N, C-alpha and C. Protein backbone atom coordinates (compact mmCIF):
# COMPACT_ATOMS: atom_id res chain seq x y z
N MET A 1 98.53 -119.20 -87.57
CA MET A 1 98.66 -118.85 -86.17
C MET A 1 99.79 -119.68 -85.57
N LYS A 2 100.61 -118.98 -84.83
CA LYS A 2 101.76 -119.66 -84.26
C LYS A 2 101.98 -119.19 -82.81
N PRO A 3 102.12 -120.13 -81.87
CA PRO A 3 102.44 -119.72 -80.50
C PRO A 3 103.95 -119.47 -80.36
N VAL A 4 104.29 -118.35 -79.75
CA VAL A 4 105.69 -118.00 -79.49
C VAL A 4 105.79 -117.39 -78.09
N PHE A 5 106.94 -117.56 -77.46
CA PHE A 5 107.14 -116.95 -76.14
C PHE A 5 107.38 -115.47 -76.31
N ALA A 6 106.73 -114.70 -75.44
CA ALA A 6 106.82 -113.23 -75.51
C ALA A 6 108.18 -112.77 -74.99
N GLU A 7 108.65 -111.71 -75.58
CA GLU A 7 109.84 -111.01 -75.11
C GLU A 7 109.38 -109.86 -74.24
N LYS A 8 110.27 -109.33 -73.43
CA LYS A 8 109.90 -108.21 -72.55
C LYS A 8 109.31 -107.03 -73.34
N GLU A 9 109.84 -106.78 -74.53
CA GLU A 9 109.34 -105.64 -75.31
C GLU A 9 107.92 -105.86 -75.85
N ASP A 10 107.43 -107.09 -75.84
CA ASP A 10 106.06 -107.39 -76.28
C ASP A 10 105.02 -107.08 -75.22
N LEU A 11 105.44 -107.03 -73.97
CA LEU A 11 104.48 -107.04 -72.87
C LEU A 11 103.60 -105.79 -72.77
N ASN A 12 104.13 -104.62 -73.05
CA ASN A 12 103.28 -103.43 -73.01
C ASN A 12 102.20 -103.49 -74.09
N ARG A 13 102.55 -103.99 -75.25
CA ARG A 13 101.57 -104.16 -76.33
C ARG A 13 100.49 -105.16 -75.91
N LEU A 14 100.88 -106.21 -75.20
CA LEU A 14 99.91 -107.21 -74.76
C LEU A 14 98.99 -106.67 -73.67
N LEU A 15 99.53 -105.83 -72.79
CA LEU A 15 98.69 -105.20 -71.76
C LEU A 15 97.58 -104.38 -72.40
N GLU A 16 97.93 -103.65 -73.42
CA GLU A 16 96.94 -102.84 -74.13
C GLU A 16 95.92 -103.74 -74.84
N TRP A 17 96.40 -104.83 -75.44
CA TRP A 17 95.53 -105.73 -76.19
C TRP A 17 94.47 -106.37 -75.29
N CYS A 18 94.83 -106.69 -74.05
CA CYS A 18 93.86 -107.36 -73.17
C CYS A 18 93.20 -106.39 -72.19
N SER A 19 93.15 -105.12 -72.53
CA SER A 19 92.59 -104.10 -71.64
C SER A 19 91.10 -104.32 -71.32
N ASP A 20 90.39 -105.11 -72.12
CA ASP A 20 88.98 -105.37 -71.84
C ASP A 20 88.78 -106.49 -70.82
N SER A 21 89.89 -107.03 -70.27
CA SER A 21 89.81 -108.05 -69.24
C SER A 21 90.73 -107.66 -68.08
N PRO A 22 90.21 -106.86 -67.14
CA PRO A 22 91.03 -106.36 -66.03
C PRO A 22 91.70 -107.46 -65.21
N GLU A 23 91.03 -108.58 -65.00
CA GLU A 23 91.61 -109.67 -64.22
C GLU A 23 92.84 -110.24 -64.94
N TYR A 24 92.72 -110.44 -66.23
CA TYR A 24 93.83 -110.96 -67.01
C TYR A 24 94.96 -109.93 -67.08
N GLN A 25 94.60 -108.68 -67.24
CA GLN A 25 95.58 -107.61 -67.30
C GLN A 25 96.38 -107.54 -65.99
N LYS A 26 95.72 -107.79 -64.87
CA LYS A 26 96.40 -107.78 -63.57
C LYS A 26 97.44 -108.91 -63.50
N LYS A 27 97.07 -110.10 -63.95
CA LYS A 27 98.01 -111.23 -63.97
C LYS A 27 99.23 -110.89 -64.84
N LEU A 28 98.98 -110.31 -66.00
CA LEU A 28 100.06 -109.95 -66.90
C LEU A 28 100.94 -108.86 -66.29
N SER A 29 100.33 -107.91 -65.60
CA SER A 29 101.08 -106.84 -64.93
C SER A 29 102.01 -107.40 -63.86
N GLN A 30 101.55 -108.40 -63.12
CA GLN A 30 102.39 -109.02 -62.10
C GLN A 30 103.63 -109.62 -62.74
N TYR A 31 103.46 -110.20 -63.91
CA TYR A 31 104.61 -110.75 -64.62
C TYR A 31 105.56 -109.62 -65.04
N LEU A 32 105.01 -108.54 -65.54
CA LEU A 32 105.81 -107.40 -65.97
C LEU A 32 106.65 -106.82 -64.83
N GLU A 33 106.06 -106.78 -63.64
CA GLU A 33 106.75 -106.24 -62.48
C GLU A 33 107.82 -107.18 -61.95
N GLY A 34 107.86 -108.40 -62.47
CA GLY A 34 108.86 -109.35 -62.03
C GLY A 34 108.51 -110.03 -60.72
N SER A 35 107.26 -109.89 -60.27
CA SER A 35 106.87 -110.50 -59.00
C SER A 35 106.28 -111.89 -59.20
N ASP A 36 106.33 -112.39 -60.41
CA ASP A 36 105.72 -113.68 -60.71
C ASP A 36 106.61 -114.41 -61.71
N GLU A 37 106.80 -115.69 -61.51
CA GLU A 37 107.62 -116.48 -62.43
C GLU A 37 106.74 -117.17 -63.47
N THR A 38 106.04 -116.38 -64.21
CA THR A 38 105.13 -116.87 -65.23
C THR A 38 105.75 -116.67 -66.60
N SER A 39 105.52 -117.62 -67.50
CA SER A 39 105.95 -117.46 -68.89
C SER A 39 104.75 -117.00 -69.70
N VAL A 40 105.00 -116.14 -70.67
CA VAL A 40 103.93 -115.58 -71.48
C VAL A 40 104.08 -116.08 -72.91
N VAL A 41 102.99 -116.62 -73.46
CA VAL A 41 102.97 -117.10 -74.84
C VAL A 41 101.96 -116.27 -75.62
N ILE A 42 102.39 -115.83 -76.80
CA ILE A 42 101.51 -115.07 -77.70
C ILE A 42 101.11 -116.00 -78.84
N ILE A 43 99.84 -116.03 -79.17
CA ILE A 43 99.39 -116.73 -80.36
C ILE A 43 99.06 -115.64 -81.35
N GLU A 44 99.89 -115.54 -82.39
CA GLU A 44 99.73 -114.44 -83.34
C GLU A 44 100.04 -114.90 -84.75
N ASP A 45 99.70 -114.04 -85.68
CA ASP A 45 99.96 -114.28 -87.09
C ASP A 45 100.29 -112.93 -87.72
N GLU A 46 101.49 -112.77 -88.21
CA GLU A 46 101.91 -111.52 -88.85
C GLU A 46 101.60 -110.29 -88.00
N HIS A 47 101.99 -110.33 -86.75
CA HIS A 47 101.86 -109.21 -85.81
C HIS A 47 100.44 -108.92 -85.35
N GLU A 48 99.50 -109.78 -85.65
CA GLU A 48 98.15 -109.64 -85.11
C GLU A 48 97.99 -110.67 -83.99
N VAL A 49 97.68 -110.20 -82.79
CA VAL A 49 97.53 -111.08 -81.64
C VAL A 49 96.13 -111.70 -81.64
N PHE A 50 96.09 -113.01 -81.45
CA PHE A 50 94.82 -113.73 -81.37
C PHE A 50 94.53 -114.19 -79.94
N ALA A 51 95.59 -114.47 -79.19
CA ALA A 51 95.41 -114.96 -77.82
C ALA A 51 96.71 -114.80 -77.05
N ILE A 52 96.58 -114.83 -75.72
CA ILE A 52 97.74 -114.81 -74.83
C ILE A 52 97.53 -115.93 -73.81
N ALA A 53 98.60 -116.62 -73.49
CA ALA A 53 98.55 -117.65 -72.46
C ALA A 53 99.64 -117.38 -71.45
N LEU A 54 99.28 -117.39 -70.18
CA LEU A 54 100.25 -117.29 -69.10
C LEU A 54 100.44 -118.69 -68.55
N LEU A 55 101.70 -119.11 -68.46
CA LEU A 55 102.00 -120.47 -68.00
C LEU A 55 102.81 -120.42 -66.72
N LYS A 56 102.43 -121.24 -65.77
CA LYS A 56 103.15 -121.27 -64.50
C LYS A 56 103.14 -122.69 -63.97
N VAL A 57 104.27 -123.10 -63.38
CA VAL A 57 104.36 -124.41 -62.75
C VAL A 57 104.71 -124.22 -61.28
N GLN A 58 103.92 -124.82 -60.41
CA GLN A 58 104.25 -124.86 -59.00
C GLN A 58 105.07 -126.13 -58.80
N GLU A 59 106.37 -125.95 -58.65
CA GLU A 59 107.27 -127.09 -58.63
C GLU A 59 107.02 -128.03 -57.46
N THR A 60 106.68 -127.49 -56.29
CA THR A 60 106.49 -128.35 -55.13
C THR A 60 105.29 -129.27 -55.30
N GLU A 61 104.25 -128.78 -55.96
CA GLU A 61 103.04 -129.58 -56.17
C GLU A 61 103.03 -130.29 -57.52
N LYS A 62 104.01 -129.97 -58.37
CA LYS A 62 104.06 -130.53 -59.73
C LYS A 62 102.78 -130.25 -60.50
N LYS A 63 102.24 -129.04 -60.30
CA LYS A 63 100.98 -128.66 -60.94
C LYS A 63 101.23 -127.48 -61.87
N GLY A 64 100.69 -127.56 -63.08
CA GLY A 64 100.84 -126.48 -64.04
C GLY A 64 99.53 -125.75 -64.26
N TYR A 65 99.64 -124.45 -64.50
CA TYR A 65 98.47 -123.61 -64.73
C TYR A 65 98.59 -122.89 -66.06
N ILE A 66 97.49 -122.81 -66.77
CA ILE A 66 97.41 -122.05 -68.02
C ILE A 66 96.28 -121.04 -67.86
N TRP A 67 96.63 -119.76 -67.89
CA TRP A 67 95.63 -118.69 -67.92
C TRP A 67 95.54 -118.26 -69.37
N PHE A 68 94.47 -118.62 -70.03
CA PHE A 68 94.32 -118.40 -71.47
C PHE A 68 93.33 -117.28 -71.70
N TYR A 69 93.70 -116.33 -72.55
CA TYR A 69 92.78 -115.24 -72.88
C TYR A 69 92.78 -115.03 -74.38
N SER A 70 91.59 -115.01 -74.94
CA SER A 70 91.43 -114.74 -76.36
C SER A 70 90.10 -114.03 -76.55
N LYS A 71 90.05 -113.19 -77.54
CA LYS A 71 88.79 -112.54 -77.88
C LYS A 71 87.94 -113.46 -78.75
N ASN A 72 88.54 -114.56 -79.18
CA ASN A 72 87.87 -115.58 -79.98
C ASN A 72 87.86 -116.88 -79.17
N LYS A 73 86.73 -117.24 -78.60
CA LYS A 73 86.63 -118.41 -77.72
C LYS A 73 86.98 -119.73 -78.41
N GLU A 74 86.91 -119.78 -79.72
CA GLU A 74 87.21 -121.00 -80.47
C GLU A 74 88.68 -121.42 -80.32
N LEU A 75 89.56 -120.47 -80.05
CA LEU A 75 90.99 -120.77 -79.99
C LEU A 75 91.36 -121.70 -78.83
N GLN A 76 90.59 -121.70 -77.76
CA GLN A 76 90.88 -122.59 -76.64
C GLN A 76 90.77 -124.05 -77.05
N ASN A 77 90.04 -124.31 -78.10
CA ASN A 77 89.83 -125.68 -78.55
C ASN A 77 90.80 -126.10 -79.65
N GLN A 78 91.76 -125.28 -79.98
CA GLN A 78 92.73 -125.61 -81.02
C GLN A 78 93.75 -126.59 -80.45
N PRO A 79 93.78 -127.83 -80.92
CA PRO A 79 94.66 -128.84 -80.34
C PRO A 79 96.15 -128.50 -80.46
N ASP A 80 96.57 -127.89 -81.56
CA ASP A 80 98.00 -127.58 -81.71
C ASP A 80 98.46 -126.53 -80.70
N ILE A 81 97.61 -125.58 -80.39
CA ILE A 81 97.95 -124.55 -79.39
C ILE A 81 98.03 -125.19 -78.01
N MET A 82 97.02 -125.97 -77.65
CA MET A 82 97.02 -126.61 -76.34
C MET A 82 98.19 -127.58 -76.20
N GLN A 83 98.53 -128.30 -77.26
CA GLN A 83 99.67 -129.22 -77.22
C GLN A 83 100.96 -128.46 -76.93
N PHE A 84 101.14 -127.33 -77.57
CA PHE A 84 102.32 -126.49 -77.35
C PHE A 84 102.41 -126.08 -75.89
N LEU A 85 101.31 -125.61 -75.32
CA LEU A 85 101.29 -125.15 -73.94
C LEU A 85 101.52 -126.29 -72.95
N LEU A 86 100.85 -127.42 -73.17
CA LEU A 86 101.00 -128.56 -72.28
C LEU A 86 102.40 -129.17 -72.35
N LYS A 87 102.98 -129.18 -73.52
CA LYS A 87 104.34 -129.70 -73.68
C LYS A 87 105.32 -128.87 -72.85
N TRP A 88 105.17 -127.56 -72.87
CA TRP A 88 106.05 -126.70 -72.09
C TRP A 88 105.88 -126.98 -70.60
N LEU A 89 104.63 -127.11 -70.14
CA LEU A 89 104.38 -127.40 -68.72
C LEU A 89 105.02 -128.72 -68.30
N ARG A 90 104.89 -129.74 -69.16
CA ARG A 90 105.51 -131.04 -68.84
C ARG A 90 107.02 -130.93 -68.74
N LYS A 91 107.63 -130.17 -69.64
CA LYS A 91 109.09 -129.98 -69.60
C LYS A 91 109.53 -129.30 -68.31
N GLN A 92 108.65 -128.50 -67.73
CA GLN A 92 108.95 -127.80 -66.49
C GLN A 92 108.63 -128.65 -65.26
N GLY A 93 108.16 -129.86 -65.46
CA GLY A 93 107.93 -130.78 -64.35
C GLY A 93 106.49 -130.93 -63.89
N ALA A 94 105.54 -130.34 -64.57
CA ALA A 94 104.13 -130.43 -64.16
C ALA A 94 103.58 -131.81 -64.48
N LYS A 95 102.88 -132.38 -63.52
CA LYS A 95 102.20 -133.67 -63.71
C LYS A 95 100.70 -133.49 -63.88
N GLU A 96 100.16 -132.41 -63.33
CA GLU A 96 98.73 -132.07 -63.45
C GLU A 96 98.62 -130.70 -64.10
N TYR A 97 97.46 -130.44 -64.74
CA TYR A 97 97.26 -129.19 -65.45
C TYR A 97 95.90 -128.60 -65.13
N VAL A 98 95.86 -127.28 -65.04
CA VAL A 98 94.61 -126.58 -64.84
C VAL A 98 94.53 -125.48 -65.89
N LEU A 99 93.44 -125.45 -66.63
CA LEU A 99 93.20 -124.39 -67.62
C LEU A 99 92.21 -123.40 -67.02
N ILE A 100 92.64 -122.15 -66.94
CA ILE A 100 91.81 -121.10 -66.34
C ILE A 100 91.43 -120.10 -67.41
């Protein structure tokens, strides 16, 4: 399993993949429409998606947010995945983190 940043062409496939979570699908749709400055990370292995993470930093508050969705709840506890996500947030200037 490897976390990678999604390309625009990945996003329709990801919308379909998370169709069983309307709230998460709405967040991802906002990113697709360009109305949100969120980065999308895919955790996948050989074209099979295991999880999606939406990352956003509120620069004025120096606060980072991770909206994590997986059909396998165990993935939220994977230290290498969380390290990857937190490292990106820190590079963007976040001092605090919230996992949603």
